[in-house]
Structures are given as structure tokens and as C-alpha cells.
Amino acid sequence: MAIPDFQTLMLPILKFASDGKEHALREAREELGKEFALTDEEEVQLLPSGRQAVFTNRVAWAKVYLQRAGLLNSARRGYFQISDRGRQILGENPSRINIRFLERFPEFSIFRGTAKSEKEQEAPGKPEGEHGTPEEALEAAYERLRNELAVELLEHLKASSPQFFERLVVDLLVAMGYGGSRKEAGKAIGKAGDEGIDGIINEDRLGLEVIYLQAKKWEGTVGRPDIQKFVGALHGKRARKGVFMTTGTFSQEATDYVSRIDPKVVLIDGRQLAQHMIDFNLGVTLTSRYEAKKIESDFFLEE
């Protein structure tokens, strides 16, 4: 079973609290995980940011929404207890509790910033379209913007000259911490350019290990023969490490091949290349910054 969205979790959480006892969110997660037959992998699946598990995030937000609607009380952080209103709602035997259901309570509408005039309240309700938690909505929007930017970056790379692309490969590796300065990397790449090798860059600032580079501006799929040629060149240099970057993609045969050989060869296709450029601010510029903040509980402790 897929991980339920946070609105689907609202009624089960309220039912879980129906015994009137104070419960920890951890208890709710354990019980709901069993109820929805989640696998171990689903319970630990992370949000795109990697900072929190999806299921943990959704249970927490379901609890927050129920609390804001007055169906749950929370005397301390991470714990909750059913309220008189919550018992009353369970007595109505609802088939589902969601955002639209909770908007009947004025304090919830104020919390959501969706308080309506009387005229608006008489109008038919809009279709429910919010299934993700606030963090999920924010991260999903961020991922869409990032992916659109990556596509645009890749289009620019494919339209560039082969010489520009070779310089870009070195610039990216320098930005990632390889090769020392760009000036040093430029000297290094000038010494190469033979036997299928486009450049050489230091793996560390002391130059104790070098990485050989291949930069291939390519529209289609790079196959195993091209990778074998590069590996042969590495053997000719007695090199142990190489990076092959392309604006295209790699065939499955090429990927399988490099997983079984020595020297170590890393393949970076166009999609990964664009993502690395975004991560290391190469060819992109910051336009906006949004900060997500939370309550600092220690601040409110009174001695």
C-alpha cells in the first residue's frame, strides 16, 4: 500500500485518540503504520530534502490540523489527546475528515487563512486539491522549478561548442573541489587531448592523485564501445580514475560495464550534469530565497 496522504490520516488519528488518553506521536505512527500495512521501506522513505520521513511528516501535520480545528488538545510538544469536540465529531460517524470538513470550524479557517464571508460560504465548495503537507507542497514546487531549470541548462549545453563544453567540465570539477584553482586545472587540461582523453585534473589540492576526463557533447546515447575506448586510454596512462561526462545519456551496457572494471570510471549524463551545475552554482544565479522556520521550544522555557 502507498503511504497515505496526510488528510487520509486525520480520521484514523482521531479514532486512535478516542480512548481519551494522552498519546505520543510516535505511538500514533506505529499504530497507523500497522493499520495501513506500510512496509519498512515506506515508513523510512524520506522527503526530497532528506530531512524527515514522509510518513512522519504526514502524521505530524494531520495532528496539527486536527488540533487547530479543536478536535485534539496538546498540552506538551509531541503529544495529543482527544477533545470534547473531537468526541462529538466521532459521534457523527464521519466517513472521512479532510481540510474541507475542518473548515466548518472558524478557528481552523483563521489558521488556514481561508475565513469566508457569508456569501462565499453559501457558494458550492471548491474541489479538494491539497493532498500534501505544507513541506511536501513546498518541496514539490522546488523540485519542479529545479527540474525545469535543469532542462533549460541542458538545452544551452547542447547548443554550445565542443570547446565550451570541455571547459565547462573542468569548471564544474573545480567548483566541486577538484583540481585546486581554475588556472591550475587549465594548465592540466592543456597537457592532454590525446588517446580519447580530453583533460587531466588533480583529485586533491596536493596533486597526489589525478583524474582523467572525457567530455562528449552528444545528442543520443553513449554506448559501451566509447567507454571501452576511454578505459583503454586510461590503461595506457596507468590511470586509476576517470570521469566521462556527456550531454546525452549512457546505455545500460555502458553502465553495467563500468560497474565491473578497474580503473574506476564515473559516468555523468546530461541530466546529472545539469543537476550538478545547479548544486554548485555554475551557469545559474540566485533569484529568490525562502526560509522555513519552526518554533524554538527552549526559548519559551521559564526558569
C-alpha atoms as a PDB file:
ATOM      1  CA  MET A   1       0.000   0.000   0.000  1.00  0.00           C
ATOM      2  CA  ALA A   2       1.222   3.512  -0.824  1.00  0.00           C
ATOM      3  CA  ILE A   3       1.885   5.953   2.003  1.00  0.00           C
ATOM      4  CA  PRO A   4      -1.483   7.632   2.753  1.00  0.00           C
ATOM      5  CA  ASP A   5      -1.693  11.402   2.318  1.00  0.00           C
ATOM      6  CA  PHE A   6      -1.999  13.463   5.470  1.00  0.00           C
ATOM      7  CA  GLN A   7      -5.740  14.105   5.046  1.00  0.00           C
ATOM      8  CA  THR A   8      -6.412  10.372   4.872  1.00  0.00           C
ATOM      9  CA  LEU A   9      -4.614  10.067   8.228  1.00  0.00           C
ATOM     10  CA  MET A  10      -6.855  12.574  10.031  1.00  0.00           C
ATOM     11  CA  LEU A  11      -9.786  10.299  10.874  1.00  0.00           C
ATOM     12  CA  PRO A  12      -7.582   7.328  11.891  1.00  0.00           C
ATOM     13  CA  ILE A  13      -5.617   9.592  14.265  1.00  0.00           C
ATOM     14  CA  LEU A  14      -8.812  10.904  15.827  1.00  0.00           C
ATOM     15  CA  LYS A  15     -10.082   7.347  16.257  1.00  0.00           C
ATOM     16  CA  PHE A  16      -6.739   6.345  17.761  1.00  0.00           C
ATOM     17  CA  ALA A  17      -7.188   9.095  20.366  1.00  0.00           C
ATOM     18  CA  SER A  18     -10.779   8.083  21.136  1.00  0.00           C
ATOM     19  CA  ASP A  19      -9.711   6.289  24.347  1.00  0.00           C
ATOM     20  CA  GLY A  20      -9.226   9.712  25.937  1.00  0.00           C
ATOM     21  CA  LYS A  21      -5.612   9.057  26.941  1.00  0.00           C
ATOM     22  CA  GLU A  22      -2.650  11.268  26.128  1.00  0.00           C
ATOM     23  CA  HIS A  23      -0.647   9.735  23.299  1.00  0.00           C
ATOM     24  CA  ALA A  24       2.744  10.442  21.771  1.00  0.00           C
ATOM     25  CA  LEU A  25       3.031  10.980  18.040  1.00  0.00           C
ATOM     26  CA  ARG A  26       5.416   8.027  17.989  1.00  0.00           C
ATOM     27  CA  GLU A  27       2.615   5.769  19.236  1.00  0.00           C
ATOM     28  CA  ALA A  28       0.302   7.075  16.528  1.00  0.00           C
ATOM     29  CA  ARG A  29       2.893   6.426  13.818  1.00  0.00           C
ATOM     30  CA  GLU A  30       3.415   2.868  14.988  1.00  0.00           C
ATOM     31  CA  GLU A  31      -0.317   2.135  15.122  1.00  0.00           C
ATOM     32  CA  LEU A  32      -1.132   3.802  11.807  1.00  0.00           C
ATOM     33  CA  GLY A  33       1.800   2.107  10.135  1.00  0.00           C
ATOM     34  CA  LYS A  34       0.237  -1.226  11.071  1.00  0.00           C
ATOM     35  CA  GLU A  35      -3.270  -0.101  10.096  1.00  0.00           C
ATOM     36  CA  PHE A  36      -2.152   0.904   6.619  1.00  0.00           C
ATOM     37  CA  ALA A  37       0.194  -2.104   6.305  1.00  0.00           C
ATOM     38  CA  LEU A  38       3.205   0.048   5.455  1.00  0.00           C
ATOM     39  CA  THR A  39       6.452  -1.708   4.652  1.00  0.00           C
ATOM     40  CA  ASP A  40       9.715  -0.871   6.433  1.00  0.00           C
ATOM     41  CA  GLU A  41      10.851   0.923   3.277  1.00  0.00           C
ATOM     42  CA  GLU A  42       7.692   3.051   3.147  1.00  0.00           C
ATOM     43  CA  GLU A  43       7.991   4.039   6.805  1.00  0.00           C
ATOM     44  CA  VAL A  44      11.533   5.368   6.331  1.00  0.00           C
ATOM     45  CA  GLN A  45      11.057   6.899   2.862  1.00  0.00           C
ATOM     46  CA  LEU A  46      12.374  10.477   3.009  1.00  0.00           C
ATOM     47  CA  LEU A  47      11.103  13.782   1.683  1.00  0.00           C
ATOM     48  CA  PRO A  48      13.119  15.148  -1.267  1.00  0.00           C
ATOM     49  CA  SER A  49      15.140  17.272   1.171  1.00  0.00           C
ATOM     50  CA  GLY A  50      16.170  14.103   3.055  1.00  0.00           C
ATOM     51  CA  ARG A  51      15.484  15.780   6.399  1.00  0.00           C
ATOM     52  CA  GLN A  52      12.425  13.827   7.526  1.00  0.00           C
ATOM     53  CA  ALA A  53      10.478  10.677   6.696  1.00  0.00           C
ATOM     54  CA  VAL A  54       7.368  11.265   4.559  1.00  0.00           C
ATOM     55  CA  PHE A  55       5.139   9.238   6.884  1.00  0.00           C
ATOM     56  CA  THR A  56       6.445  11.016   9.994  1.00  0.00           C
ATOM     57  CA  ASN A  57       5.798  14.375   8.342  1.00  0.00           C
ATOM     58  CA  ARG A  58       2.258  13.462   7.313  1.00  0.00           C
ATOM     59  CA  VAL A  59       1.256  12.093  10.717  1.00  0.00           C
ATOM     60  CA  ALA A  60       2.583  15.241  12.394  1.00  0.00           C
ATOM     61  CA  TRP A  61       0.665  17.565  10.068  1.00  0.00           C
ATOM     62  CA  ALA A  62      -2.559  15.555  10.373  1.00  0.00           C
ATOM     63  CA  LYS A  63      -2.278  16.012  14.135  1.00  0.00           C
ATOM     64  CA  VAL A  64      -1.601  19.759  13.761  1.00  0.00           C
ATOM     65  CA  TYR A  65      -4.672  20.265  11.562  1.00  0.00           C
ATOM     66  CA  LEU A  66      -6.914  18.325  13.943  1.00  0.00           C
ATOM     67  CA  GLN A  67      -5.526  20.360  16.828  1.00  0.00           C
ATOM     68  CA  ARG A  68      -6.123  23.663  15.012  1.00  0.00           C
ATOM     69  CA  ALA A  69      -9.714  22.602  14.408  1.00  0.00           C
ATOM     70  CA  GLY A  70     -10.153  21.908  18.116  1.00  0.00           C
ATOM     71  CA  LEU A  71     -10.599  18.136  17.734  1.00  0.00           C
ATOM     72  CA  LEU A  72      -7.377  17.388  19.613  1.00  0.00           C
ATOM     73  CA  ASN A  73      -5.688  19.058  22.565  1.00  0.00           C
ATOM     74  CA  SER A  74      -1.926  19.204  23.052  1.00  0.00           C
ATOM     75  CA  ALA A  75      -0.574  20.083  26.478  1.00  0.00           C
ATOM     76  CA  ARG A  76       3.051  19.389  25.506  1.00  0.00           C
ATOM     77  CA  ARG A  77       5.079  19.029  22.352  1.00  0.00           C
ATOM     78  CA  GLY A  78       4.785  15.712  20.549  1.00  0.00           C
ATOM     79  CA  TYR A  79       1.719  14.563  22.500  1.00  0.00           C
ATOM     80  CA  PHE A  80      -2.025  14.870  21.931  1.00  0.00           C
ATOM     81  CA  GLN A  81      -5.394  13.977  23.464  1.00  0.00           C
ATOM     82  CA  ILE A  82      -8.917  13.995  22.073  1.00  0.00           C
ATOM     83  CA  SER A  83     -11.096  16.994  22.964  1.00  0.00           C
ATOM     84  CA  ASP A  84     -14.828  17.178  23.655  1.00  0.00           C
ATOM     85  CA  ARG A  85     -15.319  18.465  20.119  1.00  0.00           C
ATOM     86  CA  GLY A  86     -13.323  15.541  18.804  1.00  0.00           C
ATOM     87  CA  ARG A  87     -15.585  13.093  20.638  1.00  0.00           C
ATOM     88  CA  GLN A  88     -18.612  14.888  19.237  1.00  0.00           C
ATOM     89  CA  ILE A  89     -17.277  14.575  15.696  1.00  0.00           C
ATOM     90  CA  LEU A  90     -16.575  10.871  16.120  1.00  0.00           C
ATOM     91  CA  GLY A  91     -20.164  10.526  17.344  1.00  0.00           C
ATOM     92  CA  GLU A  92     -21.283  11.763  13.927  1.00  0.00           C
ATOM     93  CA  ASN A  93     -19.515   8.736  12.427  1.00  0.00           C
ATOM     94  CA  PRO A  94     -17.860  10.619   9.520  1.00  0.00           C
ATOM     95  CA  SER A  95     -16.536   8.542   6.626  1.00  0.00           C
ATOM     96  CA  ARG A  96     -13.606  10.913   6.132  1.00  0.00           C
ATOM     97  CA  ILE A  97     -12.108  14.002   7.731  1.00  0.00           C
ATOM     98  CA  ASN A  98     -10.228  16.370   5.456  1.00  0.00           C
ATOM     99  CA  ILE A  99      -9.483  20.057   5.045  1.00  0.00           C
ATOM    100  CA  ARG A 100     -12.908  20.847   3.666  1.00  0.00           C
ATOM    101  CA  PHE A 101     -14.515  19.047   6.620  1.00  0.00           C
ATOM    102  CA  LEU A 102     -12.414  21.018   9.126  1.00  0.00           C
ATOM    103  CA  GLU A 103     -13.271  24.367   7.544  1.00  0.00           C
ATOM    104  CA  ARG A 104     -16.619  24.261   9.359  1.00  0.00           C
ATOM    105  CA  PHE A 105     -14.696  25.386  12.454  1.00  0.00           C
ATOM    106  CA  PRO A 106     -13.906  29.145  12.459  1.00  0.00           C
ATOM    107  CA  GLU A 107     -10.580  28.780  14.288  1.00  0.00           C
ATOM    108  CA  PHE A 108      -9.382  26.356  11.635  1.00  0.00           C
ATOM    109  CA  SER A 109     -10.372  28.722   8.828  1.00  0.00           C
ATOM    110  CA  ILE A 110      -8.454  31.503  10.558  1.00  0.00           C
ATOM    111  CA  PHE A 111      -5.435  29.192  10.921  1.00  0.00           C
ATOM    112  CA  ARG A 112      -5.612  28.374   7.236  1.00  0.00           C
ATOM    113  CA  GLY A 113      -6.265  31.978   6.249  1.00  0.00           C
ATOM    114  CA  THR A 114      -9.428  30.883   4.458  1.00  0.00           C
ATOM    115  CA  ALA A 115     -12.170  32.524   6.533  1.00  0.00           C
ATOM    116  CA  LYS A 116     -15.054  33.250   4.131  1.00  0.00           C
ATOM    117  CA  SER A 117     -17.800  35.786   4.020  1.00  0.00           C
ATOM    118  CA  GLU A 118     -21.374  34.563   4.447  1.00  0.00           C
ATOM    119  CA  LYS A 119     -21.945  34.868   0.703  1.00  0.00           C
ATOM    120  CA  GLU A 120     -18.884  32.754  -0.050  1.00  0.00           C
ATOM    121  CA  GLN A 121     -19.943  30.156   2.500  1.00  0.00           C
ATOM    122  CA  GLU A 122     -23.237  29.731   0.659  1.00  0.00           C
ATOM    123  CA  ALA A 123     -21.450  29.035  -2.602  1.00  0.00           C
ATOM    124  CA  PRO A 124     -20.562  25.440  -3.550  1.00  0.00           C
ATOM    125  CA  GLY A 125     -17.261  24.311  -2.096  1.00  0.00           C
ATOM    126  CA  LYS A 126     -14.261  24.087  -4.350  1.00  0.00           C
ATOM    127  CA  PRO A 127     -12.886  20.602  -5.134  1.00  0.00           C
ATOM    128  CA  GLU A 128     -10.356  19.274  -2.702  1.00  0.00           C
ATOM    129  CA  GLY A 129      -6.935  19.572  -4.255  1.00  0.00           C
ATOM    130  CA  GLU A 130      -4.467  19.602  -1.396  1.00  0.00           C
ATOM    131  CA  HIS A 131      -3.122  16.171  -0.527  1.00  0.00           C
ATOM    132  CA  GLY A 132       0.416  17.038   0.516  1.00  0.00           C
ATOM    133  CA  THR A 133       1.619  18.594   3.744  1.00  0.00           C
ATOM    134  CA  PRO A 134       2.987  22.170   3.590  1.00  0.00           C
ATOM    135  CA  GLU A 135       6.539  20.804   3.459  1.00  0.00           C
ATOM    136  CA  GLU A 136       5.620  18.436   0.650  1.00  0.00           C
ATOM    137  CA  ALA A 137       3.940  21.211  -1.334  1.00  0.00           C
ATOM    138  CA  LEU A 138       6.972  23.477  -0.882  1.00  0.00           C
ATOM    139  CA  GLU A 139       9.456  20.755  -1.774  1.00  0.00           C
ATOM    140  CA  ALA A 140       7.386  19.606  -4.769  1.00  0.00           C
ATOM    141  CA  ALA A 141       7.293  23.174  -6.102  1.00  0.00           C
ATOM    142  CA  TYR A 142      11.053  23.452  -5.539  1.00  0.00           C
ATOM    143  CA  GLU A 143      11.676  20.189  -7.388  1.00  0.00           C
ATOM    144  CA  ARG A 144       9.539  21.356 -10.335  1.00  0.00           C
ATOM    145  CA  LEU A 145      11.478  24.625 -10.556  1.00  0.00           C
ATOM    146  CA  ARG A 146      14.777  22.767 -10.272  1.00  0.00           C
ATOM    147  CA  ASN A 147      13.866  20.223 -12.955  1.00  0.00           C
ATOM    148  CA  GLU A 148      12.677  22.953 -15.331  1.00  0.00           C
ATOM    149  CA  LEU A 149      15.962  24.795 -14.782  1.00  0.00           C
ATOM    150  CA  ALA A 150      17.916  21.579 -15.426  1.00  0.00           C
ATOM    151  CA  VAL A 151      16.110  21.075 -18.737  1.00  0.00           C
ATOM    152  CA  GLU A 152      16.891  24.659 -19.763  1.00  0.00           C
ATOM    153  CA  LEU A 153      20.543  24.254 -18.757  1.00  0.00           C
ATOM    154  CA  LEU A 154      20.873  21.104 -20.801  1.00  0.00           C
ATOM    155  CA  GLU A 155      19.413  22.840 -23.856  1.00  0.00           C
ATOM    156  CA  HIS A 156      22.060  25.566 -23.533  1.00  0.00           C
ATOM    157  CA  LEU A 157      24.815  22.963 -23.156  1.00  0.00           C
ATOM    158  CA  LYS A 158      23.715  21.115 -26.281  1.00  0.00           C
ATOM    159  CA  ALA A 159      23.742  24.379 -28.219  1.00  0.00           C
ATOM    160  CA  SER A 160      27.279  25.255 -27.052  1.00  0.00           C
ATOM    161  CA  SER A 161      30.528  24.465 -28.876  1.00  0.00           C
ATOM    162  CA  PRO A 162      32.606  21.356 -28.039  1.00  0.00           C
ATOM    163  CA  GLN A 163      35.362  23.627 -26.739  1.00  0.00           C
ATOM    164  CA  PHE A 164      32.975  25.400 -24.378  1.00  0.00           C
ATOM    165  CA  PHE A 165      31.697  22.054 -23.119  1.00  0.00           C
ATOM    166  CA  GLU A 166      35.219  20.778 -22.399  1.00  0.00           C
ATOM    167  CA  ARG A 167      35.971  23.940 -20.396  1.00  0.00           C
ATOM    168  CA  LEU A 168      32.675  23.546 -18.558  1.00  0.00           C
ATOM    169  CA  VAL A 169      33.619  20.032 -17.430  1.00  0.00           C
ATOM    170  CA  VAL A 170      36.788  21.360 -15.830  1.00  0.00           C
ATOM    171  CA  ASP A 171      34.960  24.345 -14.310  1.00  0.00           C
ATOM    172  CA  LEU A 172      32.410  22.013 -12.730  1.00  0.00           C
ATOM    173  CA  LEU A 173      35.046  19.737 -11.210  1.00  0.00           C
ATOM    174  CA  VAL A 174      36.913  22.738  -9.837  1.00  0.00           C
ATOM    175  CA  ALA A 175      33.659  24.009  -8.319  1.00  0.00           C
ATOM    176  CA  MET A 176      33.196  20.567  -6.752  1.00  0.00           C
ATOM    177  CA  GLY A 177      36.599  20.860  -5.062  1.00  0.00           C
ATOM    178  CA  TYR A 178      38.879  19.088  -7.518  1.00  0.00           C
ATOM    179  CA  GLY A 179      41.958  20.479  -9.211  1.00  0.00           C
ATOM    180  CA  GLY A 180      42.801  23.373  -6.931  1.00  0.00           C
ATOM    181  CA  SER A 181      42.385  26.641  -8.851  1.00  0.00           C
ATOM    182  CA  ARG A 182      40.884  27.082 -12.319  1.00  0.00           C
ATOM    183  CA  LYS A 183      44.295  28.302 -13.515  1.00  0.00           C
ATOM    184  CA  GLU A 184      45.957  25.057 -12.378  1.00  0.00           C
ATOM    185  CA  ALA A 185      43.202  22.991 -13.961  1.00  0.00           C
ATOM    186  CA  GLY A 186      43.598  24.903 -17.222  1.00  0.00           C
ATOM    187  CA  LYS A 187      47.277  24.035 -17.377  1.00  0.00           C
ATOM    188  CA  ALA A 188      46.453  20.415 -16.700  1.00  0.00           C
ATOM    189  CA  ILE A 189      43.927  20.140 -19.491  1.00  0.00           C
ATOM    190  CA  GLY A 190      46.382  21.676 -21.915  1.00  0.00           C
ATOM    191  CA  LYS A 191      48.721  18.719 -21.431  1.00  0.00           C
ATOM    192  CA  ALA A 192      46.136  16.210 -22.566  1.00  0.00           C
ATOM    193  CA  GLY A 193      43.891  15.858 -25.597  1.00  0.00           C
ATOM    194  CA  ASP A 194      45.175  12.554 -26.951  1.00  0.00           C
ATOM    195  CA  GLU A 195      44.062   8.917 -26.997  1.00  0.00           C
ATOM    196  CA  GLY A 196      40.445   9.711 -26.181  1.00  0.00           C
ATOM    197  CA  ILE A 197      41.352  11.824 -23.123  1.00  0.00           C
ATOM    198  CA  ASP A 198      40.214  15.453 -23.063  1.00  0.00           C
ATOM    199  CA  GLY A 199      41.805  16.575 -19.828  1.00  0.00           C
ATOM    200  CA  ILE A 200      43.535  15.823 -16.571  1.00  0.00           C
ATOM    201  CA  ILE A 201      42.645  17.317 -13.233  1.00  0.00           C
ATOM    202  CA  ASN A 202      44.005  16.824  -9.728  1.00  0.00           C
ATOM    203  CA  GLU A 203      41.739  14.905  -7.373  1.00  0.00           C
ATOM    204  CA  ASP A 204      43.187  16.828  -4.417  1.00  0.00           C
ATOM    205  CA  ARG A 205      44.913  20.158  -3.963  1.00  0.00           C
ATOM    206  CA  LEU A 206      48.308  18.465  -3.434  1.00  0.00           C
ATOM    207  CA  GLY A 207      48.096  16.570  -6.702  1.00  0.00           C
ATOM    208  CA  LEU A 208      48.611  13.182  -5.066  1.00  0.00           C
ATOM    209  CA  GLU A 209      46.058  11.626  -7.433  1.00  0.00           C
ATOM    210  CA  VAL A 210      44.863  12.666 -10.879  1.00  0.00           C
ATOM    211  CA  ILE A 211      41.569  12.117 -12.683  1.00  0.00           C
ATOM    212  CA  TYR A 212      41.397  11.780 -16.458  1.00  0.00           C
ATOM    213  CA  LEU A 213      38.447  13.376 -18.208  1.00  0.00           C
ATOM    214  CA  GLN A 214      36.378  12.727 -21.303  1.00  0.00           C
ATOM    215  CA  ALA A 215      33.824  15.369 -22.328  1.00  0.00           C
ATOM    216  CA  LYS A 216      31.454  14.297 -25.086  1.00  0.00           C
ATOM    217  CA  LYS A 217      28.841  16.719 -26.394  1.00  0.00           C
ATOM    218  CA  TRP A 218      26.306  14.214 -27.628  1.00  0.00           C
ATOM    219  CA  GLU A 219      22.623  14.205 -28.541  1.00  0.00           C
ATOM    220  CA  GLY A 220      21.993  10.489 -28.314  1.00  0.00           C
ATOM    221  CA  THR A 221      23.200   7.570 -26.212  1.00  0.00           C
ATOM    222  CA  VAL A 222      26.854   6.882 -25.467  1.00  0.00           C
ATOM    223  CA  GLY A 223      27.406   3.151 -25.782  1.00  0.00           C
ATOM    224  CA  ARG A 224      29.863   0.677 -24.376  1.00  0.00           C
ATOM    225  CA  PRO A 225      32.400   0.990 -27.261  1.00  0.00           C
ATOM    226  CA  ASP A 226      33.029   4.684 -26.451  1.00  0.00           C
ATOM    227  CA  ILE A 227      33.530   3.846 -22.782  1.00  0.00           C
ATOM    228  CA  GLN A 228      35.873   0.962 -23.647  1.00  0.00           C
ATOM    229  CA  LYS A 229      37.973   3.332 -25.749  1.00  0.00           C
ATOM    230  CA  PHE A 230      38.217   5.727 -22.806  1.00  0.00           C
ATOM    231  CA  VAL A 231      39.137   2.889 -20.438  1.00  0.00           C
ATOM    232  CA  GLY A 232      41.817   1.740 -22.877  1.00  0.00           C
ATOM    233  CA  ALA A 233      43.282   5.242 -22.808  1.00  0.00           C
ATOM    234  CA  LEU A 234      43.280   5.136 -19.009  1.00  0.00           C
ATOM    235  CA  HIS A 235      45.178   1.850 -19.052  1.00  0.00           C
ATOM    236  CA  GLY A 236      47.698   3.428 -21.443  1.00  0.00           C
ATOM    237  CA  LYS A 237      48.313   6.175 -18.863  1.00  0.00           C
ATOM    238  CA  ARG A 238      48.299   3.701 -15.959  1.00  0.00           C
ATOM    239  CA  ALA A 239      45.485   5.802 -14.570  1.00  0.00           C
ATOM    240  CA  ARG A 240      43.174   4.525 -11.842  1.00  0.00           C
ATOM    241  CA  LYS A 241      40.321   7.017 -12.107  1.00  0.00           C
ATOM    242  CA  GLY A 242      38.317   8.675 -14.867  1.00  0.00           C
ATOM    243  CA  VAL A 243      35.205  10.765 -15.384  1.00  0.00           C
ATOM    244  CA  PHE A 244      33.169  10.604 -18.578  1.00  0.00           C
ATOM    245  CA  MET A 245      30.624  13.441 -18.978  1.00  0.00           C
ATOM    246  CA  THR A 246      28.135  13.831 -21.790  1.00  0.00           C
ATOM    247  CA  THR A 247      25.121  15.951 -22.671  1.00  0.00           C
ATOM    248  CA  GLY A 248      23.409  12.753 -23.806  1.00  0.00           C
ATOM    249  CA  THR A 249      22.723   9.501 -21.973  1.00  0.00           C
ATOM    250  CA  PHE A 250      24.564   6.232 -21.370  1.00  0.00           C
ATOM    251  CA  SER A 251      23.358   2.851 -22.499  1.00  0.00           C
ATOM    252  CA  GLN A 252      22.652   0.162 -19.920  1.00  0.00           C
ATOM    253  CA  GLU A 253      25.532  -1.849 -21.359  1.00  0.00           C
ATOM    254  CA  ALA A 254      27.914   1.066 -20.726  1.00  0.00           C
ATOM    255  CA  THR A 255      26.669   1.475 -17.160  1.00  0.00           C
ATOM    256  CA  ASP A 256      26.989  -2.243 -16.457  1.00  0.00           C
ATOM    257  CA  TYR A 257      30.488  -2.294 -17.959  1.00  0.00           C
ATOM    258  CA  VAL A 258      31.963   0.415 -15.712  1.00  0.00           C
ATOM    259  CA  SER A 259      30.489  -1.260 -12.618  1.00  0.00           C
ATOM    260  CA  ARG A 260      32.715  -4.295 -13.189  1.00  0.00           C
ATOM    261  CA  ILE A 261      36.061  -2.826 -14.192  1.00  0.00           C
ATOM    262  CA  ASP A 262      39.194  -1.334 -12.746  1.00  0.00           C
ATOM    263  CA  PRO A 263      40.074   1.582 -13.159  1.00  0.00           C
ATOM    264  CA  LYS A 264      37.186   3.349 -11.524  1.00  0.00           C
ATOM    265  CA  VAL A 265      35.131   5.305 -14.050  1.00  0.00           C
ATOM    266  CA  VAL A 266      32.255   7.628 -13.167  1.00  0.00           C
ATOM    267  CA  LEU A 267      29.630   8.312 -15.839  1.00  0.00           C
ATOM    268  CA  ILE A 268      27.736  11.613 -15.691  1.00  0.00           C
ATOM    269  CA  ASP A 269      24.937  12.058 -18.224  1.00  0.00           C
ATOM    270  CA  GLY A 270      23.260  15.288 -19.269  1.00  0.00           C
ATOM    271  CA  ARG A 271      20.562  15.182 -16.596  1.00  0.00           C
ATOM    272  CA  GLN A 272      23.092  14.600 -13.806  1.00  0.00           C
ATOM    273  CA  LEU A 273      25.417  17.228 -15.254  1.00  0.00           C
ATOM    274  CA  ALA A 274      22.677  19.875 -15.163  1.00  0.00           C
ATOM    275  CA  GLN A 275      21.805  18.944 -11.563  1.00  0.00           C
ATOM    276  CA  HIS A 276      25.463  19.268 -10.523  1.00  0.00           C
ATOM    277  CA  MET A 277      25.640  22.678 -12.187  1.00  0.00           C
ATOM    278  CA  ILE A 278      22.657  23.811 -10.115  1.00  0.00           C
ATOM    279  CA  ASP A 279      24.141  22.394  -6.900  1.00  0.00           C
ATOM    280  CA  PHE A 280      27.457  24.171  -7.435  1.00  0.00           C
ATOM    281  CA  ASN A 281      26.056  27.427  -8.880  1.00  0.00           C
ATOM    282  CA  LEU A 282      27.638  27.055 -12.296  1.00  0.00           C
ATOM    283  CA  GLY A 283      25.796  28.868 -15.064  1.00  0.00           C
ATOM    284  CA  VAL A 284      22.908  29.763 -12.738  1.00  0.00           C
ATOM    285  CA  THR A 285      22.146  32.670 -10.439  1.00  0.00           C
ATOM    286  CA  LEU A 286      20.069  33.016  -7.288  1.00  0.00           C
ATOM    287  CA  THR A 287      16.816  34.917  -7.816  1.00  0.00           C
ATOM    288  CA  SER A 288      14.845  34.219  -4.609  1.00  0.00           C
ATOM    289  CA  ARG A 289      15.368  32.614  -1.227  1.00  0.00           C
ATOM    290  CA  TYR A 290      12.674  31.284   1.108  1.00  0.00           C
ATOM    291  CA  GLU A 291      13.308  30.215   4.695  1.00  0.00           C
ATOM    292  CA  ALA A 292      11.165  27.662   6.533  1.00  0.00           C
ATOM    293  CA  LYS A 293      11.239  28.181  10.290  1.00  0.00           C
ATOM    294  CA  LYS A 294       9.806  26.428  13.314  1.00  0.00           C
ATOM    295  CA  ILE A 295       9.261  27.232  16.977  1.00  0.00           C
ATOM    296  CA  GLU A 296      12.359  27.138  19.196  1.00  0.00           C
ATOM    297  CA  SER A 297      10.874  25.386  22.219  1.00  0.00           C
ATOM    298  CA  ASP A 298      13.768  26.192  24.576  1.00  0.00           C
ATOM    299  CA  PHE A 299      13.109  29.905  24.080  1.00  0.00           C
ATOM    300  CA  PHE A 300       9.785  29.636  25.888  1.00  0.00           C
ATOM    301  CA  LEU A 301      11.035  27.668  28.890  1.00  0.00           C
ATOM    302  CA  GLU A 302      10.576  29.652  32.088  1.00  0.00           C
ATOM    303  CA  GLU A 303      13.011  29.043  34.941  1.00  0.00           C
END
